[in-house]
Protein backbone atom coordinates (compact mmCIF):
# COMPACT_ATOMS: atom_id res chain seq x y z
CA UNK A 1 142.48 -25.32 96.05
CA UNK A 2 144.20 -28.71 97.08
CA UNK A 3 147.49 -27.14 96.45
CA UNK A 4 146.91 -23.97 98.31
CA UNK A 5 145.79 -26.05 101.31
CA UNK A 6 149.15 -28.24 100.77
CA UNK A 7 151.25 -25.22 100.66
CA UNK A 8 149.89 -23.50 103.55
CA UNK A 9 150.53 -26.93 105.79
CA UNK A 10 153.99 -27.47 104.48
CA UNK A 11 155.07 -23.67 105.19
CA UNK A 12 153.56 -24.24 108.45
CA UNK A 13 155.82 -27.36 109.33
CA UNK A 14 158.87 -25.40 108.42
CA UNK A 15 159.52 -26.65 104.96
CA UNK A 16 161.65 -24.03 102.80
CA UNK A 17 159.66 -22.42 99.88
CA UNK A 18 162.24 -23.51 97.53
CA UNK A 19 161.75 -27.16 98.32
CA UNK A 20 157.89 -26.69 98.35
CA UNK A 21 158.02 -25.23 94.73
CA UNK A 22 160.23 -28.07 93.72
CA UNK A 23 157.91 -30.59 95.17
CA UNK A 24 154.59 -29.35 93.63
CA UNK A 25 156.08 -28.47 90.29
CA UNK A 26 155.13 -24.55 90.83
CA UNK A 27 157.12 -21.35 91.18
CA UNK A 28 158.61 -19.98 94.32
CA UNK A 29 156.19 -16.95 93.52
CA UNK A 30 153.12 -18.94 93.87
CA UNK A 31 154.26 -20.35 96.95
CA UNK A 32 155.00 -17.02 98.31
CA UNK A 33 151.32 -15.72 96.89
CA UNK A 34 149.68 -18.98 98.65
CA UNK A 35 151.27 -18.36 101.99
CA UNK A 36 150.60 -14.61 101.98
CA UNK A 37 146.93 -15.27 100.89
CA UNK A 38 143.87 -15.53 103.45
CA UNK A 39 141.56 -17.29 101.17
CA UNK A 40 142.05 -19.84 98.42
CA UNK A 41 142.23 -19.05 95.13
CA UNK A 42 139.33 -18.47 92.84
CA UNK A 43 138.80 -17.68 89.05
CA UNK A 44 137.73 -14.74 88.04
CA UNK A 45 136.56 -13.45 84.67
CA UNK A 46 138.97 -10.50 83.51
CA UNK A 47 136.43 -7.75 82.58
CA UNK A 48 136.05 -7.17 78.87
CA UNK A 49 135.34 -3.64 77.48
CA UNK A 50 131.79 -3.62 76.26
CA UNK A 51 130.58 -1.84 73.31
CA UNK A 52 127.93 -0.39 75.29
CA UNK A 53 130.29 1.15 77.65
CA UNK A 54 130.40 4.57 75.78
CA UNK A 55 126.98 5.06 75.54
CA UNK A 56 126.24 3.97 79.24
CA UNK A 57 126.63 7.61 80.60
CA UNK A 58 124.21 9.32 78.21
CA UNK A 59 121.63 6.22 78.65
CA UNK A 60 121.91 6.96 82.20
CA UNK A 61 121.41 10.63 82.10
CA UNK A 62 118.08 10.12 80.11
CA UNK A 63 116.87 7.49 82.59
CA UNK A 64 117.38 9.61 85.36
CA UNK A 65 115.17 11.98 83.73
CA UNK A 66 112.50 9.48 82.39
CA UNK A 67 112.99 6.04 84.04
CA UNK A 68 110.38 4.52 81.98
CA UNK A 69 111.62 5.71 78.38
CA UNK A 70 111.41 2.93 76.25
CA UNK A 71 114.79 1.20 74.91
CA UNK A 72 113.87 1.69 71.26
CA UNK A 73 113.48 5.57 71.90
CA UNK A 74 116.78 5.49 73.89
CA UNK A 75 118.48 3.90 71.37
CA UNK A 76 117.26 6.50 68.93
CA UNK A 77 118.49 9.49 71.58
CA UNK A 78 122.03 8.20 72.08
CA UNK A 79 122.88 7.16 68.29
CA UNK A 80 123.13 3.09 69.08
CA UNK A 81 123.55 1.09 65.78
CA UNK A 82 124.58 -2.33 67.35
CA UNK A 83 122.50 -5.08 68.46
CA UNK A 84 118.82 -4.29 69.58
CA UNK A 85 118.64 -7.01 72.11
CA UNK A 86 122.23 -6.14 73.62
CA UNK A 87 120.86 -2.55 74.18
CA UNK A 88 118.00 -3.77 75.61
CA UNK A 89 119.53 -5.91 78.10
CA UNK A 90 121.72 -2.92 79.27
CA UNK A 91 119.18 -0.68 79.45
CA UNK A 92 116.99 -3.47 81.63
CA UNK A 93 120.24 -3.48 83.81
CA UNK A 94 120.34 0.29 84.47
CA UNK A 95 116.77 0.97 84.68
CA UNK A 96 116.09 -0.12 88.18
CA UNK A 97 119.01 2.19 89.37
CA UNK A 98 117.53 5.19 88.02
CA UNK A 99 113.97 4.56 89.22
CA UNK A 100 112.95 6.67 92.31
CA UNK A 101 112.74 4.80 95.77
CA UNK A 102 109.23 5.09 97.04
CA UNK A 103 109.28 2.88 100.59
CA UNK A 104 106.23 1.78 102.33
CA UNK A 105 105.76 1.93 105.89
CA UNK A 106 103.83 -0.82 107.93
CA UNK A 107 100.53 0.76 109.36
CA UNK A 108 98.92 -0.09 112.51
CA UNK A 109 95.21 0.24 112.36
CA UNK A 110 93.36 1.69 115.50
CA UNK A 111 89.63 0.34 116.58
CA UNK A 112 87.07 2.18 114.60
CA UNK A 113 88.93 4.49 112.64
CA UNK A 114 88.99 3.13 108.98
CA UNK A 115 86.82 1.41 106.70
CA UNK A 116 88.28 0.41 103.10
CA UNK A 117 86.07 0.18 100.28
CA UNK A 118 86.59 -1.18 96.62
CA UNK A 119 84.70 -2.46 93.98
CA UNK A 120 84.97 -6.08 92.85
CA UNK A 121 83.57 -7.08 89.56
CA UNK A 122 82.93 -11.25 89.82
CA UNK A 123 83.86 -13.35 86.88
CA UNK A 124 80.33 -14.08 86.09
CA UNK A 125 77.64 -12.47 83.90
CA UNK A 126 74.38 -12.35 85.58
CA UNK A 127 71.08 -12.47 84.01
CA UNK A 128 68.90 -9.17 83.82
CA UNK A 129 65.36 -8.48 83.56
CA UNK A 130 65.37 -8.08 79.72
CA UNK A 131 67.32 -11.37 79.40
CA UNK A 132 70.69 -9.95 78.89
CA UNK A 133 73.79 -10.94 80.96
CA UNK A 134 76.17 -8.30 82.31
CA UNK A 135 79.39 -8.11 84.65
CA UNK A 136 78.10 -5.99 87.63
CA UNK A 137 80.06 -4.27 90.21
CA UNK A 138 79.95 -5.30 93.83
CA UNK A 139 80.60 -2.87 96.79
CA UNK A 140 83.29 -4.47 99.40
CA UNK A 141 83.67 -2.79 102.57
CA UNK A 142 86.54 -4.23 105.00
CA UNK A 143 87.09 -2.80 108.47
CA UNK A 144 90.85 -2.16 108.81
CA UNK A 145 91.35 -3.13 112.36
CA UNK A 146 88.96 -6.38 112.82
CA UNK A 147 89.17 -7.33 109.28
CA UNK A 148 85.24 -7.88 109.24
CA UNK A 149 83.91 -7.76 105.35
CA UNK A 150 80.70 -6.46 104.12
CA UNK A 151 79.82 -6.69 100.61
CA UNK A 152 76.93 -5.76 98.14
CA UNK A 153 76.34 -6.36 94.41
CA UNK A 154 74.93 -3.05 92.78
CA UNK A 155 73.34 -1.99 89.58
CA UNK A 156 75.87 0.42 88.42
CA UNK A 157 79.06 2.19 89.59
CA UNK A 158 77.32 5.73 89.37
CA UNK A 159 77.57 7.71 92.48
CA UNK A 160 73.78 7.41 93.63
CA UNK A 161 74.32 3.71 93.56
CA UNK A 162 77.79 3.80 95.37
CA UNK A 163 76.02 6.01 98.06
CA UNK A 164 73.31 3.70 98.47
CA UNK A 165 75.35 0.77 98.72
CA UNK A 166 77.68 2.28 101.40
CA UNK A 167 74.51 3.56 103.52
CA UNK A 168 72.96 -0.03 103.24
CA UNK A 169 76.08 -1.55 104.49
CA UNK A 170 76.85 0.93 107.28
CA UNK A 171 73.35 0.70 108.59
CA UNK A 172 73.97 -2.96 108.77
CA UNK A 173 76.89 -2.75 110.82
CA UNK A 174 75.09 0.03 112.88
CA UNK A 175 78.21 2.29 113.10
CA UNK A 176 79.96 4.58 111.16
CA UNK A 177 83.97 4.97 110.99
CA UNK A 178 85.95 7.84 111.35
CA UNK A 179 87.32 7.65 108.03
CA UNK A 180 86.26 5.84 104.71
CA UNK A 181 89.46 5.13 102.05
CA UNK A 182 88.88 4.77 98.37
CA UNK A 183 91.04 4.89 95.28
CA UNK A 184 90.51 7.38 92.70
CA UNK A 185 86.89 5.94 91.78
CA UNK A 186 85.23 8.23 89.15
CA UNK A 187 81.68 7.65 91.16
CA UNK A 188 83.54 8.86 94.13
CA UNK A 189 85.79 11.48 93.28
CA UNK A 190 89.63 11.63 91.90
CA UNK A 191 92.06 13.77 93.74
CA UNK A 192 90.78 17.12 95.54
CA UNK A 193 87.62 16.81 93.47
CA UNK A 194 84.60 14.55 94.81
CA UNK A 195 81.41 13.57 92.66
CA UNK A 196 78.20 15.71 93.32
CA UNK A 197 76.35 14.28 96.57
CA UNK A 198 79.55 12.82 98.16
CA UNK A 199 80.71 15.79 100.14
CA UNK A 200 76.86 16.05 101.69
CA UNK A 201 76.87 12.19 102.27
CA UNK A 202 79.97 12.41 104.11
CA UNK A 203 79.11 15.54 106.09
CA UNK A 204 75.96 13.82 107.34
CA UNK A 205 77.59 10.79 108.62
CA UNK A 206 80.41 13.07 110.14
CA UNK A 207 83.10 10.96 108.51
CA UNK A 208 85.91 12.00 106.30
CA UNK A 209 86.72 10.59 103.05
CA UNK A 210 90.40 9.66 102.12
CA UNK A 211 91.16 9.10 98.40
CA UNK A 212 94.39 7.14 97.77
CA UNK A 213 97.21 8.56 95.67
CA UNK A 214 97.51 7.06 92.31
CA UNK A 215 99.75 3.81 92.22
CA UNK A 216 99.49 3.42 96.12
CA UNK A 217 97.70 0.12 96.56
CA UNK A 218 99.30 -0.21 100.04
CA UNK A 219 96.94 2.43 101.51
CA UNK A 220 93.86 -0.12 100.98
CA UNK A 221 95.65 -3.55 100.54
CA UNK A 222 93.46 -5.08 103.04
CA UNK A 223 90.48 -4.82 101.04
CA UNK A 224 92.22 -5.68 97.71
CA UNK A 225 93.46 -8.68 99.10
CA UNK A 226 89.77 -9.75 100.01
CA UNK A 227 88.63 -9.50 96.26
CA UNK A 228 91.39 -11.88 95.17
CA UNK A 229 89.91 -14.33 97.82
CA UNK A 230 86.44 -14.02 96.93
CA UNK A 231 87.24 -14.82 93.33
CA UNK A 232 89.51 -17.94 94.77
CA UNK A 233 87.06 -18.93 97.68
CA UNK A 234 83.46 -17.88 96.87
CA UNK A 235 82.86 -18.08 93.33
CA UNK A 236 84.47 -21.47 92.30
CA UNK A 237 81.52 -23.85 91.66
CA UNK A 238 78.61 -21.55 91.93
CA UNK A 239 75.76 -20.25 89.92
CA UNK A 240 73.79 -17.18 90.16
CA UNK A 241 70.02 -16.98 88.73
CA UNK A 242 69.83 -13.10 89.45
CA UNK A 243 71.62 -10.25 91.24
CA UNK A 244 69.56 -10.99 94.10
CA UNK A 245 70.62 -14.36 94.35
CA UNK A 246 73.79 -13.67 93.76
CA UNK A 247 73.49 -11.07 97.01
CA UNK A 248 71.91 -13.82 99.12
CA UNK A 249 74.54 -16.17 98.56
CA UNK A 250 77.57 -13.68 99.17
CA UNK A 251 75.82 -12.82 102.59
CA UNK A 252 75.51 -16.37 103.63
CA UNK A 253 79.23 -16.90 102.79
CA UNK A 254 80.10 -13.97 104.68
CA UNK A 255 78.67 -15.02 107.64
CA UNK A 256 81.27 -17.77 107.75
CA UNK A 257 84.09 -16.40 106.39
CA UNK A 258 83.88 -13.59 109.06
CA UNK A 259 84.50 -16.63 111.60
CA UNK A 260 87.87 -17.58 110.22
CA UNK A 261 90.97 -16.57 111.70
CA UNK A 262 92.93 -13.99 109.79
CA UNK A 263 96.71 -15.09 110.17
CA UNK A 264 97.95 -11.37 110.65
CA UNK A 265 95.85 -10.72 113.56
CA UNK A 266 95.58 -14.23 114.96
CA UNK A 267 91.79 -14.04 115.75
CA UNK A 268 88.80 -14.04 113.49
CA UNK A 269 86.97 -10.70 112.35
CA UNK A 270 83.88 -11.48 114.56
CA UNK A 271 85.87 -11.68 117.38
CA UNK A 272 87.80 -8.35 117.21
CA UNK A 273 84.57 -6.69 115.66
CA UNK A 274 83.20 -5.58 119.18
CA UNK A 275 86.25 -3.40 119.88
CA UNK A 276 86.21 -2.37 116.41
CA UNK A 277 82.66 -1.08 116.76
CA UNK A 278 83.31 0.48 120.18
CA UNK A 279 85.60 3.02 118.49
CA UNK A 280 83.40 4.11 115.86
CA UNK A 281 80.48 6.90 115.77
CA UNK A 282 76.81 6.18 115.91
CA UNK A 283 74.71 6.32 112.88
CA UNK A 284 73.31 9.95 112.30
CA UNK A 285 69.65 10.70 113.79
CA UNK A 286 68.66 11.87 109.96
CA UNK A 287 69.54 9.30 106.99
CA UNK A 288 71.78 10.92 104.48
CA UNK A 289 70.60 12.18 101.20
CA UNK A 290 71.38 9.35 98.66
CA UNK A 291 70.08 7.40 95.75
CA UNK A 292 68.55 8.89 92.61
CA UNK A 293 66.18 11.79 92.60
CA UNK A 294 64.71 14.14 90.48
CA UNK A 295 62.16 16.56 90.31
CA UNK A 296 60.16 16.88 86.63
CA UNK A 297 56.84 17.91 84.99
CA UNK A 298 55.02 14.91 84.02
CA UNK A 299 54.17 14.62 80.36
CA UNK A 300 51.37 13.81 78.60
CA UNK A 301 52.81 10.13 78.31
CA UNK A 302 52.99 9.79 81.98
CA UNK A 303 56.34 8.38 82.33
CA UNK A 304 59.01 9.42 84.07
CA UNK A 305 62.96 8.28 83.58
CA UNK A 306 65.44 7.51 85.99
CA UNK A 307 68.44 5.35 85.91
CA UNK A 308 68.26 4.57 82.33
CA UNK A 309 64.53 3.23 82.43
CA UNK A 310 61.00 4.75 82.18
CA UNK A 311 58.41 4.16 84.62
CA UNK A 312 54.75 4.86 84.52
CA UNK A 313 52.95 7.33 86.63
CA UNK A 314 49.53 7.82 87.72
CA UNK A 315 47.92 10.10 84.45
CA UNK A 316 45.60 12.14 86.33
CA UNK A 317 48.58 14.16 87.35
CA UNK A 318 49.67 15.10 83.99
CA UNK A 319 51.12 18.45 83.82
CA UNK A 320 51.78 18.65 87.63
CA UNK A 321 55.69 18.60 89.09
CA UNK A 322 56.25 15.41 90.64
CA UNK A 323 59.25 14.17 92.81
CA UNK A 324 61.05 11.07 91.35
CA UNK A 325 63.32 8.62 93.90
CA UNK A 326 64.69 5.10 93.43
CA UNK A 327 66.96 3.26 95.77
CA UNK A 328 68.52 -0.04 94.76
CA UNK A 329 65.37 -2.09 94.92
CA UNK A 330 62.23 0.26 94.43
CA UNK A 331 61.12 3.73 92.37
CA UNK A 332 58.54 6.11 93.74
CA UNK A 333 57.08 9.10 92.25
CA UNK A 334 55.15 11.37 94.70
CA UNK A 335 53.19 14.83 94.19
CA UNK A 336 53.35 17.15 97.18
CA UNK A 337 54.19 13.71 99.23
CA UNK A 338 51.06 11.65 97.97
CA UNK A 339 52.57 8.57 96.01
CA UNK A 340 51.02 8.65 92.54
CA UNK A 341 53.64 5.89 91.30
CA UNK A 342 55.53 2.65 92.66
CA UNK A 343 57.75 0.15 90.95
CA UNK A 344 60.52 -2.52 91.52
CA UNK A 345 63.58 -1.00 90.14
CA UNK A 346 64.82 -2.55 87.18
CA UNK A 347 68.85 -3.16 86.87
CA UNK A 348 68.62 -3.61 82.98
CA UNK A 349 68.67 -0.39 81.19
CA UNK A 350 66.74 0.78 78.54
CA UNK A 351 63.30 -0.87 79.71
CA UNK A 352 59.71 0.30 80.18
CA UNK A 353 58.02 -0.23 83.24
CA UNK A 354 54.09 0.09 83.06
CA UNK A 355 51.48 -0.09 85.95
CA UNK A 356 48.10 -1.79 84.10
CA UNK A 357 46.09 0.57 86.64
CA UNK A 358 47.87 3.94 85.03
CA UNK A 359 46.90 2.36 81.43
CA UNK A 360 43.34 2.06 82.57
CA UNK A 361 43.09 5.60 84.08
CA UNK A 362 44.66 7.00 81.10
CA UNK A 363 42.32 5.52 78.50
CA UNK A 364 39.11 6.87 80.55
CA UNK A 365 40.66 10.37 80.84
CA UNK A 366 41.18 10.02 77.02
CA UNK A 367 38.04 8.86 76.44
CA UNK A 368 36.32 11.54 78.38
CA UNK A 369 38.52 14.32 76.85
CA UNK A 370 37.47 13.29 73.31
CA UNK A 371 33.34 13.06 73.98
CA UNK A 372 31.66 15.81 72.13
CA UNK A 373 31.02 18.95 74.39
CA UNK A 374 27.01 20.15 74.58
CA UNK A 375 26.59 23.88 73.13
CA UNK A 376 25.83 25.94 75.91
CA UNK A 377 22.06 27.86 75.45
CA UNK A 378 21.39 31.27 77.12
CA UNK A 379 17.59 31.27 77.96
CA UNK A 380 18.04 34.49 79.73
CA UNK A 381 18.15 36.78 76.70
CA UNK A 382 16.72 40.21 77.74
CA UNK A 383 15.66 42.88 75.60
CA UNK A 384 17.77 45.95 75.65
CA UNK A 385 15.49 48.42 76.57
CA UNK A 386 15.06 46.60 79.84
CA UNK A 387 18.75 48.03 80.87
CA UNK A 388 17.80 51.25 79.57
CA UNK A 389 14.85 51.61 81.97
CA UNK A 390 17.28 49.99 84.91
CA UNK A 391 19.53 53.02 84.37
CA UNK A 392 16.63 55.51 84.11
CA UNK A 393 17.32 56.27 80.14
CA UNK A 394 14.48 56.73 77.62
CA UNK A 395 14.99 56.57 73.97
CA UNK A 396 15.24 60.44 73.39
CA UNK A 397 18.37 60.57 75.74
CA UNK A 398 20.09 57.50 74.21
CA UNK A 399 19.78 59.32 70.75
């Protein structure tokens, strides 16, 4: 580079090219090229013909049809017999060129338009009623415009519990958005198929359900990022005695978290919440039908099953059709509107919940059933001739 600069300076001073070549010990051709060039010379490696070159067109054709085709399969298809690592390196170079491009636009969220919903599984096993420790889902709902967060731990990811959780959180919010955004959660729906009860739930709320397409995390990226924040900010250093304790601690933490300034909006969720709520719809005048429900005939063992557990019922209604319902915290059994059984809901499965009053009632009914029955004595036996006289018949006519 120094020679190139010196040649150009001497040429600019009017020194003949032959004298420049003799002074620097280079050829006149080198001097001419240096004067004619606009940039300093640089080393360029001469391309070497690769053994992969003859296979590259066929590999591109196969990748254009299936961009994720494994390199091992590609090697077999094109008949490659050389180095496996060299082939994989070249396939990795070509694969991005053959993948279709799926650009994502930035979304502007209007006030009151969207609440993004997702399930978060905290990395902590919680103690249930039967002594088992399990991972339970947490329903997270984030208002897209204000970034206001709500969350509630649920006993399962079944449709009944998901709808109950959404209704509890929306009722605490006091308003309903125009759209609820979910990914393809089995308890809510996949594609155009919605789980049983979801359509009636959305219809009562006058709200539209939006299910994201597969591999489309950007459509609900707000709530996805909150899940990661929970694990980094809420979970460390905490211990939970029960699901109820978890929900209480999470509620207390969210009250503070919703006052923190969000970088993308420049304000806290609580500051933007009022505008967000103003754009939403009011709660429906009639609550949506959600939760666990069943109508069954009460058997002799006077227990009903709901949510994987058995609950006792007043044995005096054995054989009758009873209505069983359950929310997140309570199980009720009614006969024609009359309460005949009520228990706290158990979040564990395979449990039997018994009311001691029901056991005592069953004992009394059983003892009464097994009491010996007195024989019926008819003291009003009459002579058959009395009936003949009553109908005006005599013995000859009867004969």
